[in-house]
Protein backbone atom coordinates (compact mmCIF):
# COMPACT_ATOMS: atom_id res chain seq x y z
CA MET A 1 85.29 66.92 95.25
CA ASP A 2 82.16 69.08 96.43
CA GLU A 3 83.06 72.25 95.89
CA ASN A 4 83.03 73.02 99.79
CA LYS A 5 84.93 70.90 100.76
CA LYS A 6 86.81 71.89 97.74
CA ILE A 7 87.12 75.72 99.17
CA PHE A 8 87.24 74.70 102.95
CA ASP A 9 90.51 72.40 101.95
CA ILE A 10 92.66 75.87 100.34
CA VAL A 11 91.04 78.91 103.09
CA LYS A 12 92.69 76.64 105.16
CA LYS A 13 95.97 75.57 103.15
CA HIS A 14 96.12 79.13 103.53
CA TYR A 15 95.46 79.74 106.93
CA LYS A 16 98.57 77.50 107.64
CA GLU A 17 100.34 79.26 105.26
CA TYR A 18 99.64 82.59 107.12
CA PHE A 19 100.39 80.47 110.12
CA ILE A 20 104.54 79.77 109.46
CA TYR A 21 105.14 83.07 109.08
CA ALA A 22 103.56 84.41 111.56
CA ILE A 23 105.11 82.10 114.01
CA LYS A 24 108.45 82.37 112.97
CA ARG A 25 108.43 86.17 112.12
CA LYS A 26 106.78 86.24 116.29
CA TRP A 27 104.63 87.55 114.88
CA LEU A 28 101.75 85.29 117.22
CA GLU A 29 100.64 85.52 121.14
CA ILE A 30 102.01 83.71 123.53
CA PRO A 31 99.98 84.39 126.12
CA ASP A 32 101.28 85.30 129.73
CA GLU A 33 101.93 82.28 132.16
CA LEU A 34 100.32 79.82 129.25
CA PRO A 35 99.73 76.18 131.41
CA TYR A 36 97.18 78.21 133.05
CA LYS A 37 95.64 79.86 130.03
CA GLU A 38 92.19 78.71 128.63
CA ILE A 39 92.50 78.12 124.42
CA GLY A 40 89.77 77.81 122.21
CA PHE A 41 89.49 77.52 118.30
CA GLY A 42 86.61 77.25 115.42
CA TYR A 43 86.41 76.88 112.20
CA LEU A 44 83.20 77.28 110.94
CA LYS A 45 81.80 78.76 113.58
CA LYS A 46 83.65 80.81 115.86
CA VAL A 47 84.19 78.37 118.58
CA ASP A 48 84.15 74.78 117.98
CA ASN A 49 85.89 73.78 120.67
CA ARG A 50 87.41 75.10 123.95
CA ASN A 51 89.24 73.58 127.77
CA ILE A 52 92.21 73.31 126.08
CA SER A 53 95.99 73.88 127.91
CA PHE A 54 99.45 73.96 126.83
CA ASP A 55 102.11 73.12 129.51
CA SER A 56 104.35 74.60 127.81
CA GLU A 57 105.39 77.40 124.57
CA LYS A 58 106.54 74.29 121.77
CA GLU A 59 103.64 72.51 121.98
CA TYR A 60 101.14 75.05 121.35
CA LEU A 61 102.90 76.61 118.79
CA ARG A 62 103.11 72.85 117.33
CA TRP A 63 98.94 72.31 117.62
CA VAL A 64 98.60 75.81 115.94
CA LEU A 65 100.79 74.60 112.67
CA GLU A 66 98.80 71.75 112.68
CA ASN A 67 95.27 72.68 113.14
CA ALA A 68 95.51 76.05 111.57
CA PRO A 69 92.01 76.87 113.11
CA PHE A 70 90.52 80.30 111.58
CA HIS A 71 89.15 81.38 114.89
CA LEU A 72 91.58 81.13 118.04
CA TYR A 73 91.04 82.95 121.07
CA LYS A 74 92.88 83.45 124.77
CA SER A 75 91.03 83.23 128.61
CA LEU A 76 91.93 86.71 129.92
CA SER A 77 91.15 85.05 133.18
CA TYR A 78 94.00 82.20 134.65
CA MET A 79 93.36 79.55 136.12
CA GLU A 80 93.90 76.31 137.85
CA TYR A 81 92.34 74.17 135.71
CA PRO A 82 91.95 75.53 132.00
CA GLU A 83 90.93 72.35 130.64
CA ALA A 84 88.28 71.33 133.43
CA VAL A 85 84.50 71.44 131.01
CA GLY A 86 82.02 74.06 132.55
CA GLY A 87 82.08 76.94 134.46
CA ALA A 88 84.47 79.21 136.87
CA HIS A 89 83.64 77.20 139.91
CA GLN A 90 85.52 74.54 137.42
CA LYS A 91 88.69 76.02 136.32
CA LYS A 92 89.23 77.97 139.67
CA ILE A 93 89.69 80.93 138.84
CA LEU A 94 92.34 82.75 140.63
CA LYS A 95 93.48 86.42 138.43
CA ARG A 96 91.90 87.94 134.94
CA GLU A 97 93.24 90.09 132.48
CA MET A 98 91.40 93.16 131.88
CA ALA A 99 90.06 94.29 127.96
CA PHE A 100 87.46 96.09 126.92
CA ASP A 101 86.04 95.08 123.22
CA ILE A 102 85.29 97.37 120.92
CA ASP A 103 82.41 95.81 118.40
CA VAL A 104 80.86 98.29 116.22
CA HIS A 105 78.19 98.05 113.66
CA ARG A 106 76.97 99.31 111.50
CA VAL A 107 76.75 103.00 110.18
CA LYS A 108 74.50 105.73 109.49
CA LYS A 109 77.35 106.45 106.49
CA CYS A 110 77.93 102.58 105.32
CA THR A 111 76.31 102.26 101.75
CA HIS A 112 76.76 98.07 102.36
CA LYS A 113 73.21 96.20 103.39
CA ASP A 114 74.56 92.69 104.55
CA ASP A 115 74.88 94.23 108.55
CA ASN A 116 78.00 91.62 109.02
CA TRP A 117 80.00 93.25 105.99
CA ILE A 118 82.49 95.02 106.17
CA CYS A 119 83.96 99.11 104.75
CA LYS A 120 85.54 102.28 105.65
CA TYR A 121 83.10 104.16 107.48
CA CYS A 122 82.75 101.53 109.95
CA LEU A 123 85.90 100.71 110.47
CA GLU A 124 86.48 104.53 111.42
CA GLU A 125 83.93 104.38 114.12
CA ALA A 126 85.81 101.88 115.24
CA LYS A 127 88.78 103.46 115.61
CA HIS A 128 86.85 107.02 116.61
CA GLN A 129 85.04 104.84 119.88
CA ALA A 130 88.46 103.71 120.55
CA PHE A 131 89.78 107.56 120.56
CA ILE A 132 86.99 107.96 123.41
CA LEU A 133 87.74 104.82 125.71
CA ILE A 134 91.39 105.98 125.90
CA ASP A 135 91.37 109.45 125.40
CA GLU A 136 88.15 110.10 127.50
CA PHE A 137 88.07 107.58 130.46
CA LEU A 138 91.05 105.71 130.46
CA ILE A 139 93.85 108.30 130.05
CA PRO A 140 91.99 111.55 132.24
CA ASP A 141 89.83 109.49 134.35
CA PHE A 142 91.84 106.67 135.80
CA GLY A 143 95.38 107.77 136.10
CA LEU A 144 96.70 105.09 132.89
CA SER A 145 99.25 106.59 130.13
CA LYS A 146 99.46 104.87 126.82
CA ASN A 147 102.34 102.95 128.43
CA ASP A 148 99.71 101.25 130.47
CA LEU A 149 97.44 99.84 127.18
CA LYS A 150 97.91 98.01 125.09
CA ILE A 151 95.40 98.22 121.73
CA VAL A 152 94.39 95.87 118.99
CA PHE A 153 92.58 95.30 116.37
CA SER A 154 90.15 92.86 116.80
CA GLY A 155 90.01 91.36 112.80
CA ASN A 156 86.74 92.74 112.20
CA ARG A 157 84.93 95.78 113.11
CA GLY A 158 86.20 96.30 116.55
CA TYR A 159 89.67 97.01 119.38
CA HIS A 160 90.14 95.26 122.56
CA ILE A 161 92.21 97.59 125.07
CA TYR A 162 93.70 95.91 127.18
CA ILE A 163 95.05 97.53 130.34
CA LYS A 164 98.47 96.42 130.33
CA PRO A 165 99.79 98.29 134.11
CA GLN A 166 103.59 99.38 134.05
CA ASP A 167 102.78 99.86 138.14
CA GLU A 168 103.39 95.89 138.75
CA ASP A 169 101.40 96.85 142.31
CA ILE A 170 98.52 98.68 140.36
CA LYS A 171 98.53 95.75 137.82
CA ASN A 172 98.39 93.25 141.02
CA ILE A 173 95.41 94.80 142.44
CA ILE A 174 93.43 95.62 139.25
CA GLU A 175 93.99 92.35 138.02
CA HIS A 176 92.20 90.02 141.30
CA TRP A 177 88.79 92.03 140.73
CA ASP A 178 86.40 90.07 140.70
CA ARG A 179 83.05 90.14 138.69
CA TYR A 180 81.10 92.92 140.32
CA GLN A 181 84.19 95.09 140.49
CA ARG A 182 84.70 95.04 136.78
CA ARG A 183 81.05 95.49 136.46
CA TYR A 184 81.36 98.32 138.00
CA PHE A 185 83.95 99.97 136.03
CA ILE A 186 82.79 99.24 133.06
CA GLU A 187 78.98 100.85 133.85
CA TYR A 188 80.93 103.87 135.08
CA ILE A 189 82.52 104.31 131.39
CA MET A 190 78.72 103.26 129.83
CA GLY A 191 77.04 105.86 132.16
CA LYS A 192 74.97 103.95 133.92
CA ASN A 193 76.08 105.01 137.23
CA LEU A 194 75.09 109.05 136.85
CA ASN A 195 73.92 110.12 139.34
CA LEU A 196 72.58 113.62 138.56
CA ASN A 197 72.30 114.16 141.97
CA TYR A 198 76.00 114.21 141.67
CA VAL A 199 77.45 114.21 138.22
CA GLY A 200 81.15 113.73 139.40
CA SER A 201 84.13 115.53 137.60
CA GLY A 202 85.08 113.09 134.31
CA TRP A 203 81.70 112.70 133.10
CA ARG A 204 80.38 116.66 134.33
CA ARG A 205 83.18 117.35 131.49
CA ARG A 206 82.94 114.99 128.77
CA ILE A 207 78.85 116.35 128.81
CA LEU A 208 80.13 119.32 128.73
CA ASN A 209 81.79 119.87 126.20
CA ASN A 210 78.86 118.51 123.97
CA ILE A 211 76.30 121.51 125.51
CA LYS A 212 76.31 124.23 122.72
CA ASN A 213 73.72 126.48 125.12
CA LYS A 214 76.46 128.66 126.26
CA GLN A 215 73.97 129.72 129.42
CA ILE A 216 73.05 126.46 130.32
CA ARG A 217 76.40 125.31 129.78
CA ASN A 218 77.96 127.77 132.35
CA GLN A 219 75.43 127.63 135.25
CA LEU A 220 75.70 123.18 135.04
CA SER A 221 79.63 124.24 136.00
CA LYS A 222 79.13 125.83 139.01
CA THR A 223 77.62 122.27 140.01
CA ARG A 224 77.83 118.88 140.94
CA ASN A 225 73.74 118.74 141.32
CA TRP A 226 72.23 119.03 138.10
CA ARG A 227 68.94 117.75 139.27
CA GLN A 228 67.97 120.60 140.67
CA ILE A 229 69.20 123.18 137.35
CA ILE A 230 67.26 120.80 135.40
CA ASP A 231 64.48 120.48 137.70
CA LYS A 232 63.77 124.72 136.99
CA LYS A 233 64.46 124.42 133.43
CA ASN A 234 61.70 125.01 131.02
CA GLU A 235 60.76 122.36 129.05
CA ASN A 236 62.57 122.85 125.21
CA ASP A 237 66.33 123.31 127.77
CA LYS A 238 65.31 120.45 129.85
CA ASN A 239 65.08 118.35 126.88
CA LYS A 240 68.46 119.87 125.16
CA ILE A 241 70.39 119.41 128.57
CA LEU A 242 68.89 115.99 128.90
CA SER A 243 69.91 114.80 124.73
CA ALA A 244 73.23 115.50 125.43
CA ILE A 245 73.58 113.83 128.28
CA GLU A 246 72.10 110.35 126.89
CA ASN A 247 74.22 111.64 123.75
CA THR A 248 77.08 112.02 125.42
CA LYS A 249 76.68 108.29 127.28
CA ASN A 250 75.70 105.95 124.15
CA ARG A 251 79.37 106.94 122.23
CA LEU A 252 80.69 103.76 122.70
CA GLU A 253 79.79 100.02 121.85
CA LEU A 254 80.90 97.61 124.62
CA ASP A 255 81.16 94.00 124.55
CA GLU A 256 80.10 94.21 128.40
CA LYS A 257 80.01 90.18 128.82
CA VAL A 258 84.21 91.09 128.08
CA MET A 259 84.49 92.84 131.31
CA GLU A 260 82.48 90.91 133.56
CA ASP A 261 83.32 87.16 132.06
CA ASP A 262 84.96 85.29 134.72
CA ILE A 263 85.73 82.36 131.74
CA ARG A 264 85.58 85.16 128.43
CA LEU A 265 87.64 84.52 125.90
CA LEU A 266 89.75 87.47 123.32
CA ARG A 267 91.15 86.18 119.74
CA VAL A 268 94.54 85.74 120.37
CA VAL A 269 96.98 88.31 119.09
CA GLY A 270 98.59 88.13 116.33
CA SER A 271 96.42 85.10 114.78
CA LEU A 272 93.51 86.07 111.94
CA HIS A 273 89.62 86.29 112.06
CA GLY A 274 87.78 83.89 110.53
CA TYR A 275 85.02 85.67 109.53
CA THR A 276 87.60 88.60 107.29
CA GLY A 277 90.67 86.43 106.63
CA PHE A 278 92.24 90.02 109.10
CA ARG A 279 95.29 89.81 111.38
CA VAL A 280 94.07 90.38 114.69
CA LYS A 281 97.19 92.89 114.53
CA GLU A 282 98.77 95.23 117.79
CA ILE A 283 98.56 98.81 117.08
CA LYS A 284 100.55 101.06 118.59
CA TYR A 285 98.32 104.61 120.01
CA ASN A 286 100.91 106.89 117.95
CA SER A 287 99.98 105.02 114.92
CA LEU A 288 96.10 104.36 115.34
CA GLU A 289 95.24 107.86 113.58
CA TYR A 290 96.76 105.95 110.95
CA PHE A 291 95.60 102.48 110.28
CA ASN A 292 93.77 101.50 108.00
CA PRO A 293 92.36 97.80 108.12
CA LEU A 294 91.70 97.64 104.60
CA ASN A 295 95.23 97.25 103.92
CA HIS A 296 97.20 97.69 106.95
CA ALA A 297 95.45 94.17 108.58
CA VAL A 298 95.73 91.70 105.50
CA PHE A 299 98.63 89.97 105.32
CA SER A 300 100.75 90.84 102.22
CA LYS A 301 101.96 87.50 100.64
CA PHE A 302 97.62 87.17 100.61
CA ASN A 303 96.82 89.49 97.20
CA LYS A 304 99.88 88.57 94.76
CA GLU A 305 97.97 84.67 94.44
CA TYR A 306 95.01 85.20 92.39
CA TYR A 307 92.13 82.71 91.85
CA SER A 308 89.51 82.00 88.95
CA ILE A 309 86.18 81.72 90.54
CA LYS A 310 82.40 82.15 90.05
CA ILE A 311 80.31 84.42 92.40
CA ASN A 312 76.93 83.11 92.27
CA GLN A 313 74.76 85.66 94.16
CA LYS A 314 73.95 89.90 94.67
CA ILE A 315 76.70 90.79 97.43
CA ASP A 316 77.65 94.68 98.43
CA SER A 317 81.37 96.15 97.15
CA LEU A 318 84.62 95.17 98.40
CA ARG A 319 88.02 97.16 98.46
CA ILE A 320 90.81 95.87 100.20
CA ASP A 321 94.53 97.28 99.17
CA ASP A 322 92.80 99.96 97.59
CA LYS A 323 91.19 96.90 94.78
CA LEU A 324 87.21 96.94 94.01
CA TYR A 325 85.11 93.12 94.20
CA THR A 326 81.55 93.05 92.79
CA SER A 327 79.11 90.20 92.46
CA ARG A 328 80.70 90.76 89.04
CA SER A 329 84.13 89.40 89.92
CA LYS A 330 85.97 87.11 88.13
CA GLU A 331 89.61 87.17 89.48
CA ILE A 332 90.57 87.79 92.91
CA PRO A 333 93.01 87.65 95.70
CA VAL A 334 93.53 85.12 98.60
CA SER A 335 92.19 88.21 101.14
CA VAL A 336 89.49 88.51 99.28
CA LEU A 337 87.84 84.57 98.85
CA LEU A 338 88.75 84.41 102.69
CA PHE A 339 86.56 87.66 103.58
CA LEU A 340 84.03 85.98 101.38
CA PHE A 341 84.51 82.38 102.44
CA GLY A 342 84.86 83.48 105.74
CA HIS A 343 80.69 84.72 104.83
CA ASN A 344 79.18 82.00 103.97
CA VAL A 345 78.94 84.00 100.44
CA ASP A 346 78.37 81.07 97.55
CA PHE A 347 80.81 81.14 95.04
CA GLU A 348 82.45 78.78 93.03
CA ILE A 349 86.37 78.13 92.38
CA LEU A 350 86.99 77.66 89.22
CA ASP A 351 89.79 75.24 88.23
């Protein structure tokens, strides 16, 4: 048998094993109002196919078990015709969930050369950004509580933060925002609407926290018109203020299309991420600080079965479940096998 086909079949077997377990324990998300949600999936690509819909939970779960997709998505929008091919006009959008996608790239502390690899440092940065979004924007600026938010580890280097207001009237209002209203919302959070002639209380609070010079901080705290003060400063002080503003604005790596695009898909909670094999897992706010994806997002059964392998290329080291794996590793658990496969590493499974 062709080695690639052999590995693919083994990987798919383990994905199916996971879904059997996840469905039995009700880990796998059943999207709300399922008949109005579009489903997409992929194996070697994120999305090989989409425009799929299911009339019942039973039909949906049976399909997942039969196909065992490596990537499983659902639409954020509720659609009158989710199976229609084409854009929002053909699908007829009824309403849409609100969600942010934090998607962190390699950070300075990362020792891996492969930008698509993963380590504790980029994962810590992703978590840090989740706290910034929640604690510095969504709760203080928009009056949301922790109970209005659904926090999901994406399965890779990010988090999905859903806005799920408990107040049904508020929920109904924001789910009927159009793409331009959603666009304005995310641009506010990214600081793209920041007007230095009139700095609002939220952005004023955030930026002042990043200005170390007490005299400058006191001056700016007394007015909303920062432009007037900045223009009178010497070049050194002016640069300090502008640098603090830019550093405050550029702390979040958000995929803007997830907020704006009417037919955007997002990973199904409880599925696996096809690049890492990690669980797309909901995390309670109070547990987020202690959440370690390299341990807590790995399906425990995937660490109990081992394969003898030969890795035919240099790879960055990988630590999963507190064990280190390198190019020289001869035996690896299923969790590492899925990660190597998802990252297109050249390896063989030895008989």
